[in-house]
Amino acid sequence: MQLLPPEKGARTGKPPMLDVDFTKNPFIVIWEVTQACDLACVHCRAEARPWRDSGELSTAEGKRLIDQIAEFGQPLFVITGGDPLKRPDLFELIDYAVAKGLRTTLTPSGTRLMTPEVIKRLKEHGLSRLAVSLDGSNAKVHDEFRKVAGSFDWTIASIKRARECDMPVQINSTVCKLNFDDFDPLADLLKTLNIALWAVFFLVPVGRGLRSDICSAREHEVMLNKIYDWTKTLPFDIKTTAAQHYRRVVVQRMAAEGAADPSRPKIFTRLSATPGFSLGDVGRSAKGVNDGNGFVFIGHTGDVCPSGFMPVAGGNVRERSLVDIYRNDPLFTDMRDYSKLKGKCGWCDFRDVCGGSRSRAYGVTGDVLASEPYCIYVPPRPAELVAKLSEKEIAEAEAFIR
């Protein structure tokens, strides 16, 4: 990994971004240590339940996995669930990861388990950041999401406790039809909580997440533009997850602003995926992360998937090295080759900076290389492509535009 100087895109006063060769090393590694959780969230990709699975990776297997993660260098390492606090060896695993030099983040659930004592211990054990889910600006909206009364209050309390002990906090919020109209009040609430990052997720139909709850492509566009506007006014960073077309929105908006203001740098609509693009405000990595491309997910039983939202495994760490699976398995290498993308994603002039959500494409169509179904943008069709495709094929590729 190579640190980029500030003039290559890092924000002033922020740590330089990492230039990672995604064919070799992921920018972020997520390990689902358990699917046990005391909540029953309506959109839970893991379909979590209160009890632990006997097939979970053991402590020893978890440490071997962490050894393999460290072979990638220093990717961002996220311990997730379910609720990681349901594992009695959690602090032992955190200690091991921190000792390996990994930047370690935890995503606990908003339950009674998040006590002040636990938060203090997490800080003492070297956790880099606490990532907490908050899907509504009030208890009515959030608790309806979580299906457990009191979750909103427990979540807000845990955020405040973490900040009291100087623990950086990330807020994860999922956009769907259930809370689409509540995001402006939610943004106002977050301004008061002194957070470091707002990660805005867009619903993928997996687990308990239903396709009927996904916002339309036009609603995606509205929210993506709103996020771009928020980056200029909110006092914390914002990133998106499962909304790769936000990068297209950013390029379009910055290009329009540059045209209106000649003092702004020119932004080109076609940017190479190698070595990557960086627009400063667009995310935490020096280039766009996508499922299986800078991102890898390990399930609670060891399955290695391109994303937690894509239940398709390239292998299992009990049988193969995580490093080998990520670098060499055809599932991963195909997903990193954007020339193989189908439908309008395949000929899109923003293809190399976006690539569409591979998880959502799979969740809707069953094909990991299919076109992003919730992107409103219709790219121009190159003459050579039109000559090869029938009108029926082109219509099918654009069928999900709404």
Protein backbone atom coordinates (compact mmCIF):
# COMPACT_ATOMS: atom_id res chain seq x y z
CA MET A 1 0.00 0.00 0.00
CA GLN A 2 1.20 3.49 -0.82
CA LEU A 3 0.21 6.62 1.04
CA LEU A 4 -1.01 9.37 -1.23
CA PRO A 5 0.09 12.94 -0.54
CA PRO A 6 -2.65 15.48 0.14
CA GLU A 7 -2.58 16.89 -3.39
CA LYS A 8 -3.72 13.46 -4.65
CA GLY A 9 -7.07 13.81 -3.00
CA ALA A 10 -6.83 13.48 0.78
CA ARG A 11 -8.78 16.08 2.70
CA THR A 12 -6.77 18.81 4.33
CA GLY A 13 -5.97 17.88 7.91
CA LYS A 14 -7.10 14.26 7.43
CA PRO A 15 -4.92 11.13 7.18
CA PRO A 16 -3.74 10.46 3.62
CA MET A 17 -5.79 7.92 1.72
CA LEU A 18 -4.46 4.51 0.79
CA ASP A 19 -3.61 3.56 -2.77
CA VAL A 20 -4.40 -0.15 -2.82
CA ASP A 21 -4.07 -2.55 -5.74
CA PHE A 22 -7.51 -4.15 -5.45
CA THR A 23 -6.43 -7.14 -7.53
CA LYS A 24 -4.10 -8.06 -4.68
CA ASN A 25 -5.43 -6.50 -1.50
CA PRO A 26 -8.84 -5.35 -0.30
CA PHE A 27 -9.28 -1.94 1.27
CA ILE A 28 -11.79 -3.33 3.77
CA VAL A 29 -12.27 -6.81 5.28
CA ILE A 30 -15.42 -7.62 7.24
CA TRP A 31 -15.76 -10.70 9.45
CA GLU A 32 -19.21 -11.71 10.63
CA VAL A 33 -18.15 -13.33 13.91
CA THR A 34 -21.69 -14.46 14.76
CA GLN A 35 -25.26 -14.20 13.55
CA ALA A 36 -26.60 -14.08 17.10
CA CYS A 37 -28.44 -10.86 17.93
CA ASP A 38 -31.20 -9.76 20.29
CA LEU A 39 -32.81 -7.52 17.68
CA ALA A 40 -35.05 -8.62 14.79
CA CYS A 41 -34.37 -5.92 12.20
CA VAL A 42 -36.72 -5.87 9.22
CA HIS A 43 -33.84 -5.48 6.74
CA CYS A 44 -31.28 -7.82 8.38
CA ARG A 45 -29.14 -9.41 5.69
CA ALA A 46 -28.08 -12.17 8.14
CA GLU A 47 -31.60 -12.99 9.33
CA ALA A 48 -30.09 -12.86 12.82
CA ARG A 49 -31.60 -14.69 15.79
CA PRO A 50 -30.85 -14.68 19.54
CA TRP A 51 -28.72 -17.84 19.67
CA ARG A 52 -25.24 -18.59 18.33
CA ASP A 53 -24.53 -21.11 15.58
CA SER A 54 -22.38 -24.08 16.61
CA GLY A 55 -20.66 -23.82 13.23
CA GLU A 56 -19.12 -20.42 13.93
CA LEU A 57 -15.38 -20.08 13.48
CA SER A 58 -13.71 -20.90 16.78
CA THR A 59 -11.33 -18.55 18.59
CA ALA A 60 -8.34 -20.40 17.15
CA GLU A 61 -9.83 -20.33 13.64
CA GLY A 62 -10.60 -16.65 14.09
CA LYS A 63 -7.00 -15.90 14.97
CA ARG A 64 -5.78 -17.80 11.91
CA LEU A 65 -8.19 -15.73 9.85
CA ILE A 66 -6.81 -12.52 11.37
CA ASP A 67 -3.30 -13.72 10.47
CA GLN A 68 -4.43 -14.03 6.85
CA ILE A 69 -6.10 -10.63 6.89
CA ALA A 70 -2.80 -9.14 8.07
CA GLU A 71 -1.13 -10.65 4.98
CA PHE A 72 -3.02 -8.03 2.96
CA GLY A 73 -1.12 -5.30 4.81
CA GLN A 74 -3.28 -2.97 6.84
CA PRO A 75 -6.82 -3.11 5.47
CA LEU A 76 -9.65 -1.68 7.51
CA PHE A 77 -10.87 -4.63 9.59
CA VAL A 78 -14.52 -4.63 10.68
CA ILE A 79 -15.89 -7.09 13.21
CA THR A 80 -19.62 -7.45 12.67
CA GLY A 81 -22.58 -9.76 13.24
CA GLY A 82 -25.36 -10.33 14.25
CA ASP A 83 -24.10 -8.71 17.39
CA PRO A 84 -20.39 -9.30 18.05
CA LEU A 85 -21.02 -8.72 21.77
CA LYS A 86 -22.73 -12.13 21.81
CA ARG A 87 -19.30 -13.77 21.45
CA PRO A 88 -17.53 -14.27 24.80
CA ASP A 89 -14.09 -14.17 23.12
CA LEU A 90 -14.69 -10.78 21.46
CA PHE A 91 -12.09 -8.86 23.44
CA GLU A 92 -9.51 -11.60 22.86
CA LEU A 93 -10.10 -11.33 19.12
CA ILE A 94 -9.87 -7.52 19.23
CA ASP A 95 -6.59 -7.75 21.15
CA TYR A 96 -5.20 -10.16 18.58
CA ALA A 97 -6.21 -7.98 15.63
CA VAL A 98 -4.85 -4.80 17.19
CA ALA A 99 -1.55 -6.58 17.98
CA LYS A 100 -1.34 -7.46 14.29
CA GLY A 101 -1.52 -3.77 13.45
CA LEU A 102 -5.02 -3.86 11.98
CA ARG A 103 -7.28 -0.81 12.19
CA THR A 104 -10.14 -2.53 13.94
CA THR A 105 -13.77 -1.38 13.95
CA LEU A 106 -16.76 -2.96 15.68
CA THR A 107 -20.45 -2.86 14.68
CA PRO A 108 -22.43 -3.84 17.80
CA SER A 109 -26.22 -3.87 17.95
CA GLY A 110 -28.23 -1.22 19.76
CA THR A 111 -29.18 -3.34 22.77
CA ARG A 112 -28.74 -3.41 26.54
CA LEU A 113 -25.39 -5.17 26.01
CA MET A 114 -23.80 -1.85 25.02
CA THR A 115 -23.13 -0.73 28.58
CA PRO A 116 -20.79 2.11 29.58
CA GLU A 117 -18.39 -0.51 30.96
CA VAL A 118 -18.29 -2.37 27.64
CA ILE A 119 -17.63 0.81 25.68
CA LYS A 120 -14.83 1.77 28.06
CA ARG A 121 -13.26 -1.69 27.64
CA LEU A 122 -13.47 -1.43 23.86
CA LYS A 123 -11.55 1.80 24.00
CA GLU A 124 -8.96 0.31 26.37
CA HIS A 125 -8.47 -2.69 24.08
CA GLY A 126 -7.52 -0.44 21.17
CA LEU A 127 -10.65 -0.35 19.04
CA SER A 128 -10.22 2.29 16.33
CA ARG A 129 -13.88 3.11 15.81
CA LEU A 130 -17.36 2.15 16.93
CA ALA A 131 -19.89 1.81 14.09
CA VAL A 132 -23.47 2.08 15.31
CA SER A 133 -26.65 1.64 13.27
CA LEU A 134 -29.24 4.40 13.46
CA ASP A 135 -32.09 4.26 10.96
CA GLY A 136 -34.43 6.96 12.23
CA SER A 137 -34.42 10.37 13.84
CA ASN A 138 -36.72 9.17 16.61
CA ALA A 139 -37.72 6.04 18.49
CA LYS A 140 -40.84 5.49 16.40
CA VAL A 141 -38.95 5.14 13.13
CA HIS A 142 -35.81 3.42 14.44
CA ASP A 143 -37.52 0.93 16.75
CA GLU A 144 -39.95 -0.05 14.00
CA PHE A 145 -36.86 -0.97 11.99
CA ARG A 146 -35.32 -2.96 14.84
CA LYS A 147 -38.55 -4.53 16.11
CA VAL A 148 -37.40 -4.02 19.71
CA ALA A 149 -38.69 -1.13 21.81
CA GLY A 150 -35.89 0.85 23.44
CA SER A 151 -33.28 0.30 20.73
CA PHE A 152 -33.26 3.97 19.73
CA ASP A 153 -32.57 5.12 23.30
CA TRP A 154 -29.87 2.47 23.83
CA THR A 155 -28.22 3.46 20.54
CA ILE A 156 -28.17 7.20 21.30
CA ALA A 157 -26.83 6.48 24.79
CA SER A 158 -24.02 4.30 23.40
CA ILE A 159 -23.02 7.01 20.92
CA LYS A 160 -22.78 9.58 23.68
CA ARG A 161 -20.84 7.22 25.95
CA ALA A 162 -18.37 6.46 23.19
CA ARG A 163 -17.75 10.14 22.54
CA GLU A 164 -17.31 10.75 26.28
CA CYS A 165 -14.37 8.36 26.25
CA ASP A 166 -13.03 9.82 23.00
CA MET A 167 -13.98 6.84 20.85
CA PRO A 168 -14.62 7.85 17.20
CA VAL A 169 -18.15 6.94 16.13
CA GLN A 170 -19.51 6.00 12.72
CA ILE A 171 -23.26 5.95 12.10
CA ASN A 172 -24.68 3.40 9.65
CA SER A 173 -28.12 4.21 8.23
CA THR A 174 -30.04 2.19 5.64
CA VAL A 175 -32.19 4.00 3.08
CA CYS A 176 -35.45 2.29 2.14
CA LYS A 177 -39.12 3.10 1.71
CA LEU A 178 -39.69 2.76 5.46
CA ASN A 179 -37.54 5.78 6.35
CA PHE A 180 -36.92 7.67 3.10
CA ASP A 181 -38.83 10.73 4.32
CA ASP A 182 -37.02 10.76 7.67
CA PHE A 183 -33.47 11.37 6.41
CA ASP A 184 -33.56 15.16 6.68
CA PRO A 185 -34.49 15.01 10.40
CA LEU A 186 -31.91 12.23 10.84
CA ALA A 187 -29.19 14.43 9.33
CA ASP A 188 -30.18 17.21 11.74
CA LEU A 189 -29.93 14.80 14.68
CA LEU A 190 -26.48 13.56 13.62
CA LYS A 191 -25.18 17.14 13.61
CA THR A 192 -25.61 17.14 17.37
CA LEU A 193 -23.79 13.86 18.08
CA ASN A 194 -20.17 14.71 17.20
CA ILE A 195 -19.66 11.72 14.90
CA ALA A 196 -16.74 11.06 12.53
CA LEU A 197 -18.56 9.45 9.60
CA TRP A 198 -22.06 8.79 8.32
CA ALA A 199 -22.26 5.63 6.23
CA VAL A 200 -25.47 5.67 4.21
CA PHE A 201 -26.47 2.19 3.05
CA PHE A 202 -28.98 1.51 0.28
CA LEU A 203 -31.14 -1.56 0.77
CA VAL A 204 -30.18 -4.78 -0.99
CA PRO A 205 -32.80 -7.56 -1.22
CA VAL A 206 -31.11 -10.24 0.87
CA GLY A 207 -32.01 -11.93 4.14
CA ARG A 208 -35.05 -10.17 5.59
CA GLY A 209 -34.57 -7.22 3.24
CA LEU A 210 -37.43 -7.21 0.74
CA ARG A 211 -37.35 -5.90 -2.80
CA SER A 212 -40.68 -4.22 -2.11
CA ASP A 213 -38.92 -2.03 0.49
CA ILE A 214 -36.25 -0.77 -1.93
CA CYS A 215 -36.60 2.84 -3.01
CA SER A 216 -37.18 3.41 -6.72
CA ALA A 217 -34.32 4.40 -9.02
CA ARG A 218 -35.65 7.97 -9.01
CA GLU A 219 -35.70 8.00 -5.20
CA HIS A 220 -32.12 6.70 -5.23
CA GLU A 221 -31.20 9.65 -7.43
CA VAL A 222 -32.91 12.12 -5.12
CA MET A 223 -31.09 10.73 -2.07
CA LEU A 224 -27.71 10.56 -3.82
CA ASN A 225 -27.97 14.21 -4.81
CA LYS A 226 -29.07 15.08 -1.29
CA ILE A 227 -25.99 13.31 0.09
CA TYR A 228 -23.78 15.31 -2.26
CA ASP A 229 -25.33 18.52 -0.95
CA TRP A 230 -24.88 17.33 2.65
CA THR A 231 -21.14 16.79 2.09
CA LYS A 232 -20.86 20.56 1.79
CA THR A 233 -22.67 21.43 5.00
CA LEU A 234 -22.55 18.60 7.53
CA PRO A 235 -19.64 18.60 10.02
CA PHE A 236 -18.60 14.99 9.34
CA ASP A 237 -17.66 12.81 6.39
CA ILE A 238 -20.29 10.84 4.46
CA LYS A 239 -19.84 7.65 2.48
CA THR A 240 -22.28 5.40 0.69
CA THR A 241 -22.57 1.61 0.68
CA ALA A 242 -24.33 -0.38 -2.07
CA ALA A 243 -24.74 2.85 -4.03
CA GLN A 244 -21.77 2.86 -6.36
CA HIS A 245 -23.66 5.18 -8.71
CA TYR A 246 -23.15 7.94 -6.15
CA ARG A 247 -19.73 8.33 -7.79
CA ARG A 248 -21.45 9.11 -11.09
CA VAL A 249 -23.61 11.70 -9.34
CA VAL A 250 -20.54 13.29 -7.77
CA VAL A 251 -18.70 13.48 -11.11
CA GLN A 252 -21.77 14.98 -12.81
CA ARG A 253 -22.36 17.52 -10.06
CA MET A 254 -18.71 18.55 -9.86
CA ALA A 255 -18.51 18.81 -13.65
CA ALA A 256 -21.59 21.06 -13.67
CA GLU A 257 -20.16 23.20 -10.91
CA GLY A 258 -16.84 23.39 -12.74
CA ALA A 259 -18.60 24.56 -15.89
CA ALA A 260 -20.36 27.26 -13.90
CA ASP A 261 -17.20 28.22 -12.01
CA PRO A 262 -13.99 28.13 -14.12
CA SER A 263 -11.90 28.31 -10.96
CA ARG A 264 -12.97 24.75 -10.06
CA PRO A 265 -10.85 21.87 -11.38
CA LYS A 266 -12.17 20.07 -14.45
CA ILE A 267 -13.73 16.67 -13.79
CA PHE A 268 -13.82 14.16 -16.61
CA THR A 269 -16.67 11.68 -16.95
CA ARG A 270 -14.42 8.81 -17.95
CA LEU A 271 -11.81 7.94 -15.33
CA SER A 272 -9.62 4.87 -15.30
CA ALA A 273 -10.20 2.15 -12.70
CA THR A 274 -6.43 1.61 -12.64
CA PRO A 275 -4.80 2.92 -10.53
CA GLY A 276 -8.13 4.36 -9.40
CA PHE A 277 -9.95 7.64 -9.12
CA SER A 278 -10.10 10.05 -6.26
CA LEU A 279 -12.28 13.10 -5.85
CA GLY A 280 -11.43 13.83 -2.24
CA ASP A 281 -14.95 13.92 -0.82
CA VAL A 282 -16.07 10.71 -2.50
CA GLY A 283 -15.15 8.18 0.17
CA ARG A 284 -12.43 6.91 2.38
CA SER A 285 -10.44 4.92 -0.15
CA ALA A 286 -8.29 6.38 -2.92
CA LYS A 287 -10.64 4.75 -5.40
CA GLY A 288 -14.12 3.30 -5.51
CA VAL A 289 -14.64 0.10 -3.56
CA ASN A 290 -17.11 -2.43 -4.92
CA ASP A 291 -18.20 -5.93 -3.97
CA GLY A 292 -15.22 -8.25 -4.43
CA ASN A 293 -13.18 -5.29 -5.66
CA GLY A 294 -11.45 -3.81 -2.66
CA PHE A 295 -14.01 -5.48 -0.38
CA VAL A 296 -14.25 -8.98 1.05
CA PHE A 297 -16.64 -10.51 3.59
CA ILE A 298 -16.14 -13.62 5.71
CA GLY A 299 -19.30 -15.22 7.07
CA HIS A 300 -19.66 -16.72 10.54
CA THR A 301 -18.90 -20.25 9.27
CA GLY A 302 -15.94 -19.14 7.14
CA ASP A 303 -17.50 -18.61 3.71
CA VAL A 304 -15.68 -15.90 1.75
CA CYS A 305 -18.08 -13.67 -0.19
CA PRO A 306 -17.64 -10.50 -2.25
CA SER A 307 -20.04 -8.77 0.15
CA GLY A 308 -22.23 -9.49 3.14
CA PHE A 309 -25.14 -8.60 0.87
CA MET A 310 -24.17 -11.28 -1.67
CA PRO A 311 -24.52 -14.83 -0.32
CA VAL A 312 -22.26 -16.36 -2.97
CA ALA A 313 -18.96 -17.81 -1.75
CA GLY A 314 -15.68 -18.18 -3.59
CA GLY A 315 -14.42 -20.58 -0.95
CA ASN A 316 -14.15 -21.17 2.79
CA VAL A 317 -11.26 -20.22 5.07
CA ARG A 318 -11.43 -23.66 6.67
CA GLU A 319 -10.33 -25.09 3.34
CA ARG A 320 -8.44 -22.31 1.51
CA SER A 321 -6.49 -19.21 2.37
CA LEU A 322 -8.49 -15.99 2.41
CA VAL A 323 -5.67 -14.38 0.43
CA ASP A 324 -5.85 -17.05 -2.28
CA ILE A 325 -9.64 -16.83 -2.54
CA TYR A 326 -9.69 -13.05 -2.82
CA ARG A 327 -6.84 -12.84 -5.31
CA ASN A 328 -7.48 -15.87 -7.50
CA ASP A 329 -11.01 -17.26 -7.27
CA PRO A 330 -12.94 -16.69 -10.54
CA LEU A 331 -15.89 -15.21 -8.65
CA PHE A 332 -13.66 -12.38 -7.45
CA THR A 333 -11.50 -11.95 -10.55
CA ASP A 334 -14.59 -11.78 -12.80
CA MET A 335 -16.20 -9.13 -10.60
CA ARG A 336 -13.06 -7.01 -10.81
CA ASP A 337 -13.11 -7.14 -14.61
CA TYR A 338 -15.63 -4.44 -15.51
CA SER A 339 -15.38 -5.35 -19.19
CA LYS A 340 -17.54 -8.36 -18.27
CA LEU A 341 -20.42 -6.28 -16.91
CA LYS A 342 -23.69 -6.82 -18.73
CA GLY A 343 -26.51 -4.56 -19.87
CA LYS A 344 -26.14 -0.80 -19.67
CA CYS A 345 -23.43 -1.08 -16.99
CA GLY A 346 -21.28 -2.77 -19.63
CA TRP A 347 -21.33 0.22 -21.99
CA CYS A 348 -21.83 3.02 -19.46
CA ASP A 349 -19.43 5.95 -19.79
CA PHE A 350 -19.17 5.92 -15.96
CA ARG A 351 -18.50 2.18 -15.82
CA ASP A 352 -14.94 2.34 -14.55
CA VAL A 353 -15.67 4.75 -11.70
CA CYS A 354 -18.92 3.08 -10.72
CA GLY A 355 -19.53 -0.51 -11.76
CA GLY A 356 -22.96 -0.59 -10.14
CA SER A 357 -23.83 -2.48 -6.98
CA ARG A 358 -22.93 -6.07 -7.73
CA SER A 359 -24.88 -7.19 -4.65
CA ARG A 360 -28.09 -5.48 -5.71
CA ALA A 361 -27.69 -6.74 -9.27
CA TYR A 362 -27.39 -10.27 -7.90
CA GLY A 363 -30.24 -9.81 -5.43
CA VAL A 364 -32.62 -8.65 -8.15
CA THR A 365 -31.49 -10.73 -11.15
CA GLY A 366 -29.45 -13.62 -9.74
CA ASP A 367 -26.47 -12.55 -11.89
CA VAL A 368 -23.45 -10.93 -10.22
CA LEU A 369 -22.49 -9.22 -13.50
CA ALA A 370 -25.94 -7.88 -14.40
CA SER A 371 -26.70 -4.19 -14.73
CA GLU A 372 -27.37 -2.12 -11.60
CA PRO A 373 -31.18 -2.21 -11.48
CA TYR A 374 -31.75 0.99 -9.48
CA CYS A 375 -29.71 3.51 -11.44
CA ILE A 376 -31.73 6.04 -13.43
CA TYR A 377 -28.89 6.98 -15.76
CA VAL A 378 -29.19 5.74 -19.35
CA PRO A 379 -25.77 5.92 -20.99
CA PRO A 380 -25.35 6.69 -24.69
CA ARG A 381 -25.15 3.52 -26.76
CA PRO A 382 -21.91 3.26 -28.77
CA ALA A 383 -22.53 2.58 -32.47
CA GLU A 384 -20.42 -0.57 -32.38
CA LEU A 385 -22.51 -1.91 -29.51
CA VAL A 386 -25.82 -1.12 -31.17
CA ALA A 387 -24.61 -3.04 -34.20
CA LYS A 388 -24.08 -6.14 -32.05
CA LEU A 389 -27.21 -6.04 -29.90
CA SER A 390 -30.81 -6.43 -30.93
CA GLU A 391 -33.37 -3.88 -29.76
CA LYS A 392 -34.84 -6.60 -27.54
CA GLU A 393 -31.50 -7.14 -25.81
CA ILE A 394 -31.06 -3.40 -25.30
CA ALA A 395 -34.62 -3.08 -23.96
CA GLU A 396 -34.02 -5.95 -21.55
CA ALA A 397 -30.83 -4.29 -20.33
CA GLU A 398 -32.74 -1.10 -19.58
CA ALA A 399 -35.86 -2.82 -18.22
CA PHE A 400 -35.26 -1.87 -14.60
CA ILE A 401 -35.15 1.88 -15.23
CA ARG A 402 -38.04 3.41 -13.33
